[in-house]
Amino acid sequence: MAKLHVIDISEHNVRNGRIDWERVKASGVHGVMVRIGWAGFDGKLMVDKSLDDSITRAHAAGLGVGLYVYSYCTGAVAARAAARQAAKIANSYKGKITYPICFDVEETVLPHLTRLGKSKLTDTVAAFCNEVEKSGYYAMWYTYTYFAKAYLDIKRLAPYDLWVADYRSTVTCPWDTPHGMWQYRGDEGRCDGVTGACDRNYAYKDYPAIIRAAGLNHLTGVK
């Protein structure tokens, strides 16, 4: 299928100005991944203040909506706790979450993730994704190419969909590991309706159709 345009946003984008979701939709964007917030070392979520407004108005504008959690989780127990909280939040927006719930694992400024070692950090990512699936949602994980190669066992995470960041090209993703979404622009990305930088992505799957057909995200019978 053709590449679908997707952006991702957090409260950092909203601080630059309230997002005009109708303009975002009119620009050709199909979906948005909205940050729920960040999960601490123990998995407790700190929720973005802009979350409700972003989900509600993006959905009203006709965009597909997914969610992601930025992770500081230091083990599988913490990751499962974060996943349960994420699913509980998603449950408050039944019919509106038509894209995956994603675990964003990329932190290197603080060493708490990288010092876990490949095996334990991979366990952490898998635990989040597995818990999301147990909650009836489509799971995904996000990172960038170098982090994946240096700190994760990619083969063990193959059962879960990958959203990868790699800015070396804007035409074709330079990394050939199977992935469902590719973030091709970060701080240099722009989108009509969003003030300032805006991450840009391509989705290679029609997530709303796939998720609805699989009976996930509690979309069955929801229009």
N, C-alpha and C. Protein backbone atom coordinates (compact mmCIF):
# COMPACT_ATOMS: atom_id res chain seq x y z
N MET A 1 0.83 -1.19 0.00
CA MET A 1 0.00 0.00 0.00
C MET A 1 0.87 1.25 0.00
N ALA A 2 0.27 2.38 -0.32
CA ALA A 2 1.00 3.64 -0.34
C ALA A 2 1.40 4.05 1.08
N LYS A 3 2.42 4.86 1.19
CA LYS A 3 2.84 5.37 2.49
C LYS A 3 1.81 6.39 2.98
N LEU A 4 1.40 6.26 4.23
CA LEU A 4 0.44 7.18 4.83
C LEU A 4 1.18 8.17 5.73
N HIS A 5 0.80 9.41 5.65
CA HIS A 5 1.46 10.45 6.45
C HIS A 5 0.95 10.44 7.89
N VAL A 6 1.89 10.40 8.82
CA VAL A 6 1.58 10.39 10.25
C VAL A 6 2.52 11.36 10.95
N ILE A 7 1.99 12.11 11.92
CA ILE A 7 2.85 12.94 12.76
C ILE A 7 2.80 12.38 14.18
N ASP A 8 3.74 12.79 15.01
CA ASP A 8 3.65 12.47 16.44
C ASP A 8 3.88 13.74 17.22
N ILE A 9 3.11 13.88 18.31
CA ILE A 9 3.17 15.11 19.09
C ILE A 9 3.11 14.79 20.59
N SER A 10 3.56 15.77 21.37
CA SER A 10 3.49 15.68 22.83
C SER A 10 3.16 17.07 23.36
N GLU A 11 3.16 17.21 24.67
CA GLU A 11 2.87 18.53 25.24
C GLU A 11 3.93 19.56 24.83
N HIS A 12 5.12 19.09 24.45
CA HIS A 12 6.16 20.02 24.00
C HIS A 12 5.73 20.77 22.75
N ASN A 13 5.04 20.08 21.84
CA ASN A 13 4.52 20.75 20.64
C ASN A 13 3.43 21.74 21.00
N VAL A 14 2.56 21.36 21.92
CA VAL A 14 1.42 22.20 22.29
C VAL A 14 1.87 23.47 23.01
N ARG A 15 3.00 23.39 23.69
CA ARG A 15 3.52 24.59 24.36
C ARG A 15 3.84 25.70 23.37
N ASN A 16 4.09 25.33 22.13
CA ASN A 16 4.37 26.34 21.09
C ASN A 16 3.10 26.96 20.54
N GLY A 17 1.96 26.41 20.89
CA GLY A 17 0.68 26.91 20.39
C GLY A 17 -0.30 25.77 20.20
N ARG A 18 -1.57 26.03 20.46
CA ARG A 18 -2.60 24.99 20.32
C ARG A 18 -2.64 24.50 18.88
N ILE A 19 -2.69 23.20 18.70
CA ILE A 19 -2.65 22.60 17.36
C ILE A 19 -3.99 22.78 16.66
N ASP A 20 -3.93 23.18 15.40
CA ASP A 20 -5.13 23.30 14.56
C ASP A 20 -5.28 21.98 13.81
N TRP A 21 -6.05 21.07 14.36
CA TRP A 21 -6.14 19.72 13.80
C TRP A 21 -6.85 19.68 12.45
N GLU A 22 -7.75 20.61 12.19
CA GLU A 22 -8.38 20.64 10.87
C GLU A 22 -7.36 20.97 9.80
N ARG A 23 -6.45 21.88 10.11
CA ARG A 23 -5.38 22.20 9.15
C ARG A 23 -4.42 21.02 8.98
N VAL A 24 -4.14 20.33 10.08
CA VAL A 24 -3.29 19.14 10.00
C VAL A 24 -3.91 18.12 9.05
N LYS A 25 -5.19 17.85 9.23
CA LYS A 25 -5.90 16.90 8.37
C LYS A 25 -5.90 17.36 6.92
N ALA A 26 -6.17 18.65 6.70
CA ALA A 26 -6.24 19.20 5.34
C ALA A 26 -4.89 19.14 4.63
N SER A 27 -3.80 19.07 5.40
CA SER A 27 -2.46 19.04 4.80
C SER A 27 -2.12 17.67 4.22
N GLY A 28 -2.97 16.67 4.48
CA GLY A 28 -2.72 15.34 3.94
C GLY A 28 -2.28 14.32 4.98
N VAL A 29 -2.27 14.71 6.24
CA VAL A 29 -1.90 13.79 7.31
C VAL A 29 -3.06 12.84 7.59
N HIS A 30 -2.74 11.55 7.77
CA HIS A 30 -3.76 10.54 8.02
C HIS A 30 -3.93 10.20 9.50
N GLY A 31 -2.83 10.26 10.25
CA GLY A 31 -2.89 9.85 11.64
C GLY A 31 -1.90 10.59 12.51
N VAL A 32 -2.10 10.50 13.82
CA VAL A 32 -1.20 11.13 14.78
C VAL A 32 -0.96 10.18 15.94
N MET A 33 0.30 10.08 16.34
CA MET A 33 0.68 9.36 17.55
C MET A 33 0.85 10.41 18.66
N VAL A 34 0.00 10.32 19.67
CA VAL A 34 -0.04 11.30 20.76
C VAL A 34 0.67 10.72 21.98
N ARG A 35 1.59 11.48 22.55
CA ARG A 35 2.27 11.00 23.75
C ARG A 35 1.33 11.04 24.94
N ILE A 36 1.17 9.90 25.61
CA ILE A 36 0.44 9.87 26.86
C ILE A 36 1.22 10.65 27.92
N GLY A 37 2.51 10.42 27.95
CA GLY A 37 3.39 11.04 28.93
C GLY A 37 4.64 10.20 29.04
N TRP A 38 5.28 10.24 30.19
CA TRP A 38 6.47 9.42 30.37
C TRP A 38 6.32 8.53 31.59
N ALA A 39 6.95 7.36 31.49
CA ALA A 39 6.90 6.38 32.56
C ALA A 39 8.22 6.41 33.33
N GLY A 40 8.13 6.55 34.64
CA GLY A 40 9.32 6.60 35.47
C GLY A 40 9.99 5.25 35.67
N PHE A 41 11.04 5.23 36.46
CA PHE A 41 11.80 3.99 36.67
C PHE A 41 10.91 2.84 37.13
N ASP A 42 9.88 3.16 37.93
CA ASP A 42 8.98 2.14 38.46
C ASP A 42 7.75 1.92 37.59
N GLY A 43 7.67 2.65 36.47
CA GLY A 43 6.56 2.49 35.55
C GLY A 43 5.41 3.46 35.76
N LYS A 44 5.44 4.26 36.81
CA LYS A 44 4.36 5.21 37.05
C LYS A 44 4.34 6.26 35.96
N LEU A 45 3.15 6.49 35.39
CA LEU A 45 3.01 7.44 34.30
C LEU A 45 2.79 8.86 34.80
N MET A 46 3.52 9.78 34.19
CA MET A 46 3.28 11.21 34.35
C MET A 46 2.63 11.66 33.05
N VAL A 47 1.37 12.03 33.12
CA VAL A 47 0.56 12.25 31.92
C VAL A 47 0.68 13.68 31.41
N ASP A 48 0.83 13.82 30.09
CA ASP A 48 0.86 15.13 29.46
C ASP A 48 -0.45 15.87 29.71
N LYS A 49 -0.36 17.13 30.07
CA LYS A 49 -1.56 17.93 30.33
C LYS A 49 -2.40 18.11 29.06
N SER A 50 -1.77 18.04 27.92
CA SER A 50 -2.47 18.26 26.65
C SER A 50 -3.10 17.00 26.08
N LEU A 51 -2.98 15.87 26.78
CA LEU A 51 -3.41 14.58 26.22
C LEU A 51 -4.87 14.57 25.80
N ASP A 52 -5.76 14.92 26.71
CA ASP A 52 -7.19 14.85 26.41
C ASP A 52 -7.56 15.75 25.22
N ASP A 53 -7.06 16.96 25.24
CA ASP A 53 -7.37 17.90 24.15
C ASP A 53 -6.86 17.37 22.82
N SER A 54 -5.66 16.81 22.80
CA SER A 54 -5.08 16.31 21.55
C SER A 54 -5.87 15.13 21.00
N ILE A 55 -6.19 14.15 21.86
CA ILE A 55 -6.93 12.98 21.40
C ILE A 55 -8.31 13.38 20.89
N THR A 56 -9.00 14.17 21.69
CA THR A 56 -10.39 14.52 21.37
C THR A 56 -10.49 15.32 20.09
N ARG A 57 -9.65 16.34 19.95
CA ARG A 57 -9.77 17.21 18.77
C ARG A 57 -9.16 16.58 17.52
N ALA A 58 -8.10 15.78 17.67
CA ALA A 58 -7.54 15.10 16.50
C ALA A 58 -8.55 14.10 15.94
N HIS A 59 -9.19 13.35 16.83
CA HIS A 59 -10.22 12.40 16.38
C HIS A 59 -11.39 13.13 15.72
N ALA A 60 -11.82 14.24 16.30
CA ALA A 60 -12.93 15.01 15.75
C ALA A 60 -12.61 15.55 14.37
N ALA A 61 -11.32 15.81 14.10
CA ALA A 61 -10.90 16.31 12.80
C ALA A 61 -10.80 15.21 11.75
N GLY A 62 -10.99 13.96 12.18
CA GLY A 62 -10.97 12.84 11.24
C GLY A 62 -9.65 12.13 11.12
N LEU A 63 -8.75 12.37 12.06
CA LEU A 63 -7.45 11.71 12.05
C LEU A 63 -7.48 10.41 12.83
N GLY A 64 -6.71 9.43 12.37
CA GLY A 64 -6.48 8.25 13.18
C GLY A 64 -5.60 8.63 14.35
N VAL A 65 -5.84 8.05 15.53
CA VAL A 65 -5.09 8.42 16.74
C VAL A 65 -4.48 7.19 17.38
N GLY A 66 -3.19 7.28 17.65
CA GLY A 66 -2.48 6.27 18.44
C GLY A 66 -1.83 6.93 19.63
N LEU A 67 -1.26 6.14 20.52
CA LEU A 67 -0.67 6.65 21.74
C LEU A 67 0.74 6.09 21.93
N TYR A 68 1.59 6.88 22.60
CA TYR A 68 2.89 6.33 22.96
C TYR A 68 3.32 6.80 24.33
N VAL A 69 4.18 6.00 24.96
CA VAL A 69 4.72 6.27 26.29
C VAL A 69 6.23 6.36 26.18
N TYR A 70 6.79 7.48 26.62
CA TYR A 70 8.25 7.61 26.67
C TYR A 70 8.74 6.90 27.93
N SER A 71 9.70 6.00 27.76
CA SER A 71 10.07 5.10 28.85
C SER A 71 11.38 5.43 29.56
N TYR A 72 11.29 5.40 30.90
CA TYR A 72 12.46 5.32 31.77
C TYR A 72 12.40 4.02 32.57
N CYS A 73 11.50 3.12 32.21
CA CYS A 73 11.26 1.89 32.97
C CYS A 73 12.53 1.06 33.09
N THR A 74 12.79 0.57 34.30
CA THR A 74 14.03 -0.16 34.56
C THR A 74 13.80 -1.65 34.75
N GLY A 75 12.82 -2.19 34.05
CA GLY A 75 12.60 -3.63 34.11
C GLY A 75 11.21 -3.99 33.66
N ALA A 76 10.97 -5.29 33.53
CA ALA A 76 9.71 -5.79 33.01
C ALA A 76 8.53 -5.45 33.91
N VAL A 77 8.73 -5.49 35.23
CA VAL A 77 7.64 -5.19 36.17
C VAL A 77 7.17 -3.75 35.95
N ALA A 78 8.12 -2.83 35.83
CA ALA A 78 7.77 -1.43 35.61
C ALA A 78 7.08 -1.25 34.27
N ALA A 79 7.57 -1.94 33.25
CA ALA A 79 6.99 -1.80 31.91
C ALA A 79 5.55 -2.31 31.88
N ARG A 80 5.30 -3.42 32.57
CA ARG A 80 3.92 -3.93 32.61
C ARG A 80 3.00 -2.95 33.34
N ALA A 81 3.52 -2.33 34.40
CA ALA A 81 2.71 -1.35 35.13
C ALA A 81 2.38 -0.16 34.23
N ALA A 82 3.36 0.30 33.46
CA ALA A 82 3.13 1.41 32.54
C ALA A 82 2.11 1.03 31.47
N ALA A 83 2.21 -0.19 30.97
CA ALA A 83 1.29 -0.65 29.93
C ALA A 83 -0.14 -0.72 30.45
N ARG A 84 -0.31 -1.19 31.67
CA ARG A 84 -1.66 -1.26 32.24
C ARG A 84 -2.27 0.13 32.39
N GLN A 85 -1.44 1.09 32.81
CA GLN A 85 -1.94 2.46 32.94
C GLN A 85 -2.28 3.05 31.57
N ALA A 86 -1.44 2.76 30.58
CA ALA A 86 -1.69 3.26 29.23
C ALA A 86 -3.00 2.70 28.69
N ALA A 87 -3.23 1.41 28.90
CA ALA A 87 -4.47 0.79 28.43
C ALA A 87 -5.67 1.36 29.16
N LYS A 88 -5.53 1.63 30.44
CA LYS A 88 -6.63 2.21 31.21
C LYS A 88 -6.99 3.58 30.66
N ILE A 89 -5.98 4.37 30.32
CA ILE A 89 -6.23 5.69 29.72
C ILE A 89 -6.91 5.53 28.37
N ALA A 90 -6.40 4.60 27.56
CA ALA A 90 -7.01 4.36 26.24
C ALA A 90 -8.47 3.95 26.36
N ASN A 91 -8.79 3.20 27.41
CA ASN A 91 -10.17 2.77 27.64
C ASN A 91 -11.13 3.94 27.79
N SER A 92 -10.60 5.10 28.20
CA SER A 92 -11.43 6.29 28.37
C SER A 92 -11.79 6.94 27.03
N TYR A 93 -11.18 6.44 25.95
CA TYR A 93 -11.39 7.03 24.63
C TYR A 93 -11.81 5.96 23.64
N LYS A 94 -12.74 5.11 24.04
CA LYS A 94 -13.17 4.02 23.17
C LYS A 94 -13.73 4.55 21.86
N GLY A 95 -13.27 3.93 20.78
CA GLY A 95 -13.67 4.36 19.45
C GLY A 95 -12.76 5.42 18.86
N LYS A 96 -11.86 5.97 19.66
CA LYS A 96 -10.99 7.05 19.19
C LYS A 96 -9.54 6.61 18.99
N ILE A 97 -9.14 5.49 19.59
CA ILE A 97 -7.75 5.02 19.48
C ILE A 97 -7.71 3.97 18.37
N THR A 98 -7.33 4.40 17.19
CA THR A 98 -7.38 3.54 16.00
C THR A 98 -5.99 3.17 15.48
N TYR A 99 -4.96 3.66 16.15
CA TYR A 99 -3.57 3.32 15.85
C TYR A 99 -2.99 2.59 17.07
N PRO A 100 -1.76 2.11 17.00
CA PRO A 100 -1.19 1.32 18.11
C PRO A 100 -0.95 2.12 19.38
N ILE A 101 -0.72 1.37 20.47
CA ILE A 101 -0.14 1.92 21.69
C ILE A 101 1.33 1.52 21.69
N CYS A 102 2.21 2.50 21.77
CA CYS A 102 3.63 2.28 21.51
C CYS A 102 4.50 2.59 22.72
N PHE A 103 5.56 1.81 22.87
CA PHE A 103 6.56 1.97 23.92
C PHE A 103 7.78 2.63 23.31
N ASP A 104 8.09 3.85 23.73
CA ASP A 104 9.20 4.63 23.19
C ASP A 104 10.43 4.41 24.06
N VAL A 105 11.39 3.64 23.54
CA VAL A 105 12.59 3.30 24.30
C VAL A 105 13.80 3.86 23.55
N GLU A 106 14.38 4.93 24.09
CA GLU A 106 15.48 5.61 23.40
C GLU A 106 16.39 6.39 24.35
N GLU A 107 16.04 6.47 25.63
CA GLU A 107 16.75 7.34 26.57
C GLU A 107 18.21 6.92 26.76
N THR A 108 19.12 7.90 26.57
CA THR A 108 20.55 7.65 26.81
C THR A 108 21.19 8.71 27.71
N VAL A 109 20.54 9.85 27.88
CA VAL A 109 21.12 10.89 28.74
C VAL A 109 21.22 10.37 30.16
N LEU A 110 20.16 9.75 30.65
CA LEU A 110 20.22 9.01 31.91
C LEU A 110 20.61 7.57 31.58
N PRO A 111 21.51 6.95 32.34
CA PRO A 111 22.03 5.63 31.98
C PRO A 111 21.17 4.45 32.42
N HIS A 112 20.01 4.72 32.99
CA HIS A 112 19.23 3.66 33.63
C HIS A 112 18.75 2.58 32.65
N LEU A 113 18.56 2.93 31.39
CA LEU A 113 18.14 1.93 30.41
C LEU A 113 19.34 1.20 29.83
N THR A 114 20.31 1.94 29.37
CA THR A 114 21.43 1.32 28.67
C THR A 114 22.26 0.41 29.58
N ARG A 115 22.30 0.69 30.87
CA ARG A 115 23.09 -0.15 31.76
C ARG A 115 22.35 -1.43 32.15
N LEU A 116 21.10 -1.59 31.73
CA LEU A 116 20.37 -2.82 32.01
C LEU A 116 20.96 -4.01 31.26
N GLY A 117 21.59 -3.71 30.12
CA GLY A 117 22.08 -4.78 29.25
C GLY A 117 21.00 -5.18 28.25
N LYS A 118 21.44 -5.77 27.14
CA LYS A 118 20.50 -6.09 26.06
C LYS A 118 19.37 -7.00 26.51
N SER A 119 19.69 -8.02 27.26
CA SER A 119 18.69 -9.00 27.63
C SER A 119 17.58 -8.39 28.48
N LYS A 120 17.95 -7.67 29.53
CA LYS A 120 16.95 -7.11 30.44
C LYS A 120 16.17 -5.98 29.77
N LEU A 121 16.83 -5.16 28.97
CA LEU A 121 16.12 -4.07 28.30
C LEU A 121 15.16 -4.64 27.26
N THR A 122 15.57 -5.68 26.58
CA THR A 122 14.68 -6.34 25.63
C THR A 122 13.48 -6.94 26.36
N ASP A 123 13.71 -7.54 27.51
CA ASP A 123 12.62 -8.05 28.34
C ASP A 123 11.64 -6.93 28.70
N THR A 124 12.18 -5.75 28.96
CA THR A 124 11.36 -4.61 29.35
C THR A 124 10.42 -4.19 28.22
N VAL A 125 10.98 -4.10 27.02
CA VAL A 125 10.16 -3.73 25.85
C VAL A 125 9.10 -4.79 25.58
N ALA A 126 9.51 -6.03 25.61
CA ALA A 126 8.57 -7.13 25.34
C ALA A 126 7.46 -7.17 26.38
N ALA A 127 7.80 -6.88 27.64
CA ALA A 127 6.80 -6.90 28.70
C ALA A 127 5.73 -5.85 28.46
N PHE A 128 6.14 -4.66 28.06
CA PHE A 128 5.15 -3.61 27.76
C PHE A 128 4.24 -4.04 26.62
N CYS A 129 4.84 -4.49 25.53
CA CYS A 129 4.05 -4.88 24.37
C CYS A 129 3.10 -6.03 24.68
N ASN A 130 3.59 -7.01 25.41
CA ASN A 130 2.76 -8.15 25.78
C ASN A 130 1.58 -7.73 26.65
N GLU A 131 1.83 -6.83 27.59
CA GLU A 131 0.76 -6.37 28.48
C GLU A 131 -0.28 -5.55 27.71
N VAL A 132 0.18 -4.76 26.75
CA VAL A 132 -0.75 -4.00 25.90
C VAL A 132 -1.65 -4.95 25.12
N GLU A 133 -1.04 -6.01 24.57
CA GLU A 133 -1.82 -6.99 23.83
C GLU A 133 -2.82 -7.71 24.74
N LYS A 134 -2.41 -8.03 25.95
CA LYS A 134 -3.32 -8.67 26.91
C LYS A 134 -4.51 -7.77 27.22
N SER A 135 -4.31 -6.46 27.11
CA SER A 135 -5.38 -5.50 27.38
C SER A 135 -6.27 -5.29 26.16
N GLY A 136 -5.97 -5.98 25.06
CA GLY A 136 -6.81 -5.90 23.88
C GLY A 136 -6.45 -4.81 22.89
N TYR A 137 -5.22 -4.30 23.00
CA TYR A 137 -4.78 -3.24 22.10
C TYR A 137 -3.63 -3.72 21.20
N TYR A 138 -3.46 -3.01 20.10
CA TYR A 138 -2.37 -3.28 19.16
C TYR A 138 -1.10 -2.66 19.73
N ALA A 139 -0.07 -3.47 19.91
CA ALA A 139 1.17 -3.01 20.53
C ALA A 139 2.25 -2.70 19.50
N MET A 140 3.10 -1.76 19.86
CA MET A 140 4.22 -1.36 19.00
C MET A 140 5.34 -0.84 19.88
N TRP A 141 6.56 -0.87 19.38
CA TRP A 141 7.67 -0.26 20.09
C TRP A 141 8.42 0.67 19.15
N TYR A 142 9.04 1.70 19.73
CA TYR A 142 9.72 2.73 18.96
C TYR A 142 11.15 2.90 19.46
N THR A 143 12.06 3.10 18.53
CA THR A 143 13.41 3.51 18.87
C THR A 143 14.08 4.02 17.60
N TYR A 144 15.34 4.37 17.71
CA TYR A 144 16.09 4.76 16.52
C TYR A 144 17.14 3.68 16.21
N THR A 145 17.63 3.70 15.00
CA THR A 145 18.45 2.61 14.48
C THR A 145 19.64 2.26 15.37
N TYR A 146 20.44 3.26 15.74
CA TYR A 146 21.63 2.97 16.54
C TYR A 146 21.26 2.35 17.88
N PHE A 147 20.25 2.90 18.54
CA PHE A 147 19.84 2.37 19.85
C PHE A 147 19.43 0.91 19.73
N ALA A 148 18.64 0.61 18.69
CA ALA A 148 18.19 -0.77 18.49
C ALA A 148 19.36 -1.73 18.33
N LYS A 149 20.33 -1.34 17.54
CA LYS A 149 21.48 -2.21 17.28
C LYS A 149 22.39 -2.34 18.51
N ALA A 150 22.53 -1.26 19.26
CA ALA A 150 23.48 -1.26 20.38
C ALA A 150 22.92 -1.86 21.66
N TYR A 151 21.61 -1.68 21.89
CA TYR A 151 21.08 -1.99 23.22
C TYR A 151 19.94 -2.99 23.26
N LEU A 152 19.48 -3.47 22.11
CA LEU A 152 18.33 -4.37 22.09
C LEU A 152 18.58 -5.62 21.27
N ASP A 153 17.92 -6.69 21.62
CA ASP A 153 17.95 -7.92 20.84
C ASP A 153 16.77 -7.86 19.88
N ILE A 154 17.03 -7.39 18.68
CA ILE A 154 15.97 -7.09 17.72
C ILE A 154 15.19 -8.34 17.33
N LYS A 155 15.87 -9.46 17.22
CA LYS A 155 15.20 -10.69 16.81
C LYS A 155 14.13 -11.10 17.83
N ARG A 156 14.43 -10.91 19.10
CA ARG A 156 13.46 -11.27 20.13
C ARG A 156 12.23 -10.38 20.12
N LEU A 157 12.37 -9.19 19.56
CA LEU A 157 11.24 -8.26 19.50
C LEU A 157 10.50 -8.32 18.17
N ALA A 158 10.90 -9.25 17.32
CA ALA A 158 10.27 -9.39 16.00
C ALA A 158 8.75 -9.63 16.06
N PRO A 159 8.21 -10.30 17.10
CA PRO A 159 6.76 -10.50 17.13
C PRO A 159 5.95 -9.21 17.27
N TYR A 160 6.63 -8.11 17.63
CA TYR A 160 5.92 -6.85 17.84
C TYR A 160 6.26 -5.84 16.75
N ASP A 161 5.27 -5.07 16.37
CA ASP A 161 5.45 -4.08 15.31
C ASP A 161 6.45 -3.01 15.76
N LEU A 162 7.27 -2.55 14.82
CA LEU A 162 8.32 -1.58 15.10
C LEU A 162 8.05 -0.26 14.39
N TRP A 163 8.24 0.83 15.13
CA TRP A 163 8.23 2.19 14.58
C TRP A 163 9.65 2.69 14.77
N VAL A 164 10.37 2.89 13.68
CA VAL A 164 11.79 3.18 13.76
C VAL A 164 12.08 4.60 13.28
N ALA A 165 13.02 5.26 13.95
CA ALA A 165 13.49 6.57 13.53
C ALA A 165 14.84 6.43 12.86
N ASP A 166 14.96 7.00 11.68
CA ASP A 166 16.23 7.00 10.95
C ASP A 166 16.18 8.17 9.97
N TYR A 167 17.03 9.18 10.22
CA TYR A 167 16.95 10.43 9.47
C TYR A 167 17.95 10.52 8.32
N ARG A 168 18.55 9.39 7.96
CA ARG A 168 19.58 9.42 6.91
C ARG A 168 18.98 9.58 5.52
N SER A 169 17.69 9.43 5.41
CA SER A 169 17.00 9.59 4.13
C SER A 169 15.59 10.06 4.41
N THR A 170 14.95 10.65 3.40
CA THR A 170 13.53 11.00 3.50
C THR A 170 12.73 10.29 2.43
N VAL A 171 13.38 9.39 1.71
CA VAL A 171 12.72 8.69 0.59
C VAL A 171 12.44 7.23 0.94
N THR A 172 13.50 6.52 1.34
CA THR A 172 13.38 5.11 1.71
C THR A 172 14.12 4.89 3.02
N CYS A 173 13.52 4.17 3.93
CA CYS A 173 14.18 3.93 5.22
C CYS A 173 15.49 3.18 5.01
N PRO A 174 16.60 3.71 5.52
CA PRO A 174 17.90 3.06 5.31
C PRO A 174 18.05 1.72 6.02
N TRP A 175 17.19 1.45 7.00
CA TRP A 175 17.30 0.21 7.78
C TRP A 175 16.27 -0.79 7.28
N ASP A 176 16.73 -2.00 6.93
CA ASP A 176 15.85 -2.97 6.29
C ASP A 176 15.15 -3.91 7.27
N THR A 177 15.33 -3.72 8.58
CA THR A 177 14.57 -4.52 9.54
C THR A 177 13.09 -4.22 9.37
N PRO A 178 12.24 -5.24 9.36
CA PRO A 178 10.80 -5.00 9.15
C PRO A 178 10.23 -4.00 10.15
N HIS A 179 9.45 -3.06 9.65
CA HIS A 179 8.85 -2.03 10.50
C HIS A 179 7.55 -1.57 9.88
N GLY A 180 6.65 -1.11 10.75
CA GLY A 180 5.35 -0.64 10.28
C GLY A 180 5.31 0.86 10.05
N MET A 181 6.15 1.60 10.80
CA MET A 181 6.23 3.04 10.63
C MET A 181 7.68 3.48 10.64
N TRP A 182 7.93 4.55 9.92
CA TRP A 182 9.28 5.11 9.83
C TRP A 182 9.21 6.60 10.11
N GLN A 183 9.94 7.03 11.13
CA GLN A 183 10.09 8.47 11.40
C GLN A 183 11.29 8.97 10.61
N TYR A 184 11.02 9.76 9.60
CA TYR A 184 12.09 10.19 8.69
C TYR A 184 12.57 11.61 8.96
N ARG A 185 11.82 12.36 9.77
CA ARG A 185 12.25 13.70 10.13
C ARG A 185 11.89 13.97 11.58
N GLY A 186 12.82 14.62 12.28
CA GLY A 186 12.60 14.99 13.67
C GLY A 186 12.45 16.48 13.81
N ASP A 187 13.47 17.14 14.38
CA ASP A 187 13.40 18.57 14.65
C ASP A 187 13.25 19.41 13.38
N GLU A 188 13.64 18.88 12.25
CA GLU A 188 13.52 19.63 11.00
C GLU A 188 12.16 19.45 10.35
N GLY A 189 11.32 18.57 10.91
CA GLY A 189 10.00 18.33 10.35
C GLY A 189 9.04 19.47 10.65
N ARG A 190 8.12 19.69 9.75
CA ARG A 190 7.10 20.71 9.91
C ARG A 190 5.77 20.15 9.43
N CYS A 191 4.66 20.69 9.98
CA CYS A 191 3.32 20.28 9.55
C CYS A 191 2.40 21.48 9.67
N ASP A 192 1.64 21.75 8.64
CA ASP A 192 0.67 22.83 8.68
C ASP A 192 -0.31 22.57 9.83
N GLY A 193 -0.53 23.58 10.65
CA GLY A 193 -1.41 23.44 11.81
C GLY A 193 -0.67 23.24 13.11
N VAL A 194 0.64 22.92 13.03
CA VAL A 194 1.48 22.73 14.23
C VAL A 194 2.56 23.80 14.23
N THR A 195 2.68 24.51 15.32
CA THR A 195 3.69 25.56 15.43
C THR A 195 5.05 24.96 15.78
N GLY A 196 6.05 25.28 14.97
CA GLY A 196 7.40 24.80 15.26
C GLY A 196 7.66 23.41 14.72
N ALA A 197 8.68 22.76 15.29
CA ALA A 197 9.10 21.44 14.83
C ALA A 197 8.00 20.41 15.05
N CYS A 198 7.93 19.46 14.12
CA CYS A 198 6.93 18.40 14.21
C CYS A 198 7.48 17.15 13.54
N ASP A 199 7.62 16.07 14.31
CA ASP A 199 8.14 14.82 13.75
C ASP A 199 7.23 14.31 12.64
N ARG A 200 7.87 13.84 11.55
CA ARG A 200 7.12 13.32 10.41
C ARG A 200 7.42 11.84 10.22
N ASN A 201 6.38 11.09 9.87
CA ASN A 201 6.49 9.64 9.73
C ASN A 201 5.71 9.15 8.52
N TYR A 202 6.10 7.97 8.07
CA TYR A 202 5.30 7.23 7.10
C TYR A 202 4.82 5.95 7.77
N ALA A 203 3.54 5.66 7.60
CA ALA A 203 2.99 4.36 8.02
C ALA A 203 2.83 3.51 6.78
N TYR A 204 3.27 2.26 6.88
CA TYR A 204 3.18 1.34 5.75
C TYR A 204 2.00 0.38 5.88
N LYS A 205 1.20 0.60 6.92
CA LYS A 205 0.03 -0.24 7.16
C LYS A 205 -1.18 0.65 7.40
N ASP A 206 -2.34 0.17 6.99
CA ASP A 206 -3.59 0.86 7.30
C ASP A 206 -4.01 0.39 8.69
N TYR A 207 -3.45 1.03 9.70
CA TYR A 207 -3.68 0.57 11.07
C TYR A 207 -5.15 0.54 11.49
N PRO A 208 -5.92 1.57 11.19
CA PRO A 208 -7.34 1.50 11.59
C PRO A 208 -8.06 0.29 11.01
N ALA A 209 -7.78 -0.03 9.75
CA ALA A 209 -8.43 -1.19 9.12
C ALA A 209 -7.95 -2.49 9.73
N ILE A 210 -6.64 -2.61 9.94
CA ILE A 210 -6.06 -3.82 10.52
C ILE A 210 -6.57 -4.04 11.94
N ILE A 211 -6.57 -2.98 12.73
CA ILE A 211 -6.96 -3.08 14.13
C ILE A 211 -8.45 -3.40 14.25
N ARG A 212 -9.26 -2.76 13.43
CA ARG A 212 -10.70 -3.02 13.49
C ARG A 212 -11.00 -4.45 13.05
N ALA A 213 -10.33 -4.91 11.99
CA ALA A 213 -10.57 -6.27 11.49
C ALA A 213 -10.17 -7.32 12.52
N ALA A 214 -9.14 -7.01 13.32
CA ALA A 214 -8.67 -7.95 14.34
C ALA A 214 -9.47 -7.85 15.64
N GLY A 215 -10.38 -6.92 15.70
CA GLY A 215 -11.18 -6.75 16.92
C GLY A 215 -10.39 -6.17 18.08
N LEU A 216 -9.35 -5.41 17.78
CA LEU A 216 -8.50 -4.82 18.82
C LEU A 216 -8.94 -3.39 19.14
N ASN A 217 -8.31 -2.83 20.15
CA ASN A 217 -8.54 -1.44 20.59
C ASN A 217 -10.01 -1.18 20.94
N HIS A 218 -10.74 -2.25 21.22
CA HIS A 218 -12.16 -2.13 21.60
C HIS A 218 -12.96 -1.37 20.56
N LEU A 219 -12.61 -1.60 19.29
CA LEU A 219 -13.30 -0.90 18.21
C LEU A 219 -14.52 -1.67 17.69
N THR A 220 -14.67 -2.94 18.06
CA THR A 220 -15.78 -3.73 17.56
C THR A 220 -17.11 -3.07 17.90
N GLY A 221 -17.88 -2.81 16.85
CA GLY A 221 -19.19 -2.21 17.05
C GLY A 221 -19.18 -0.74 17.30
N VAL A 222 -17.97 -0.12 17.28
CA VAL A 222 -17.84 1.33 17.51
C VAL A 222 -17.60 2.03 16.19
N LYS A 223 -18.38 3.02 15.90
CA LYS A 223 -18.23 3.78 14.65
C LYS A 223 -17.48 5.08 14.91
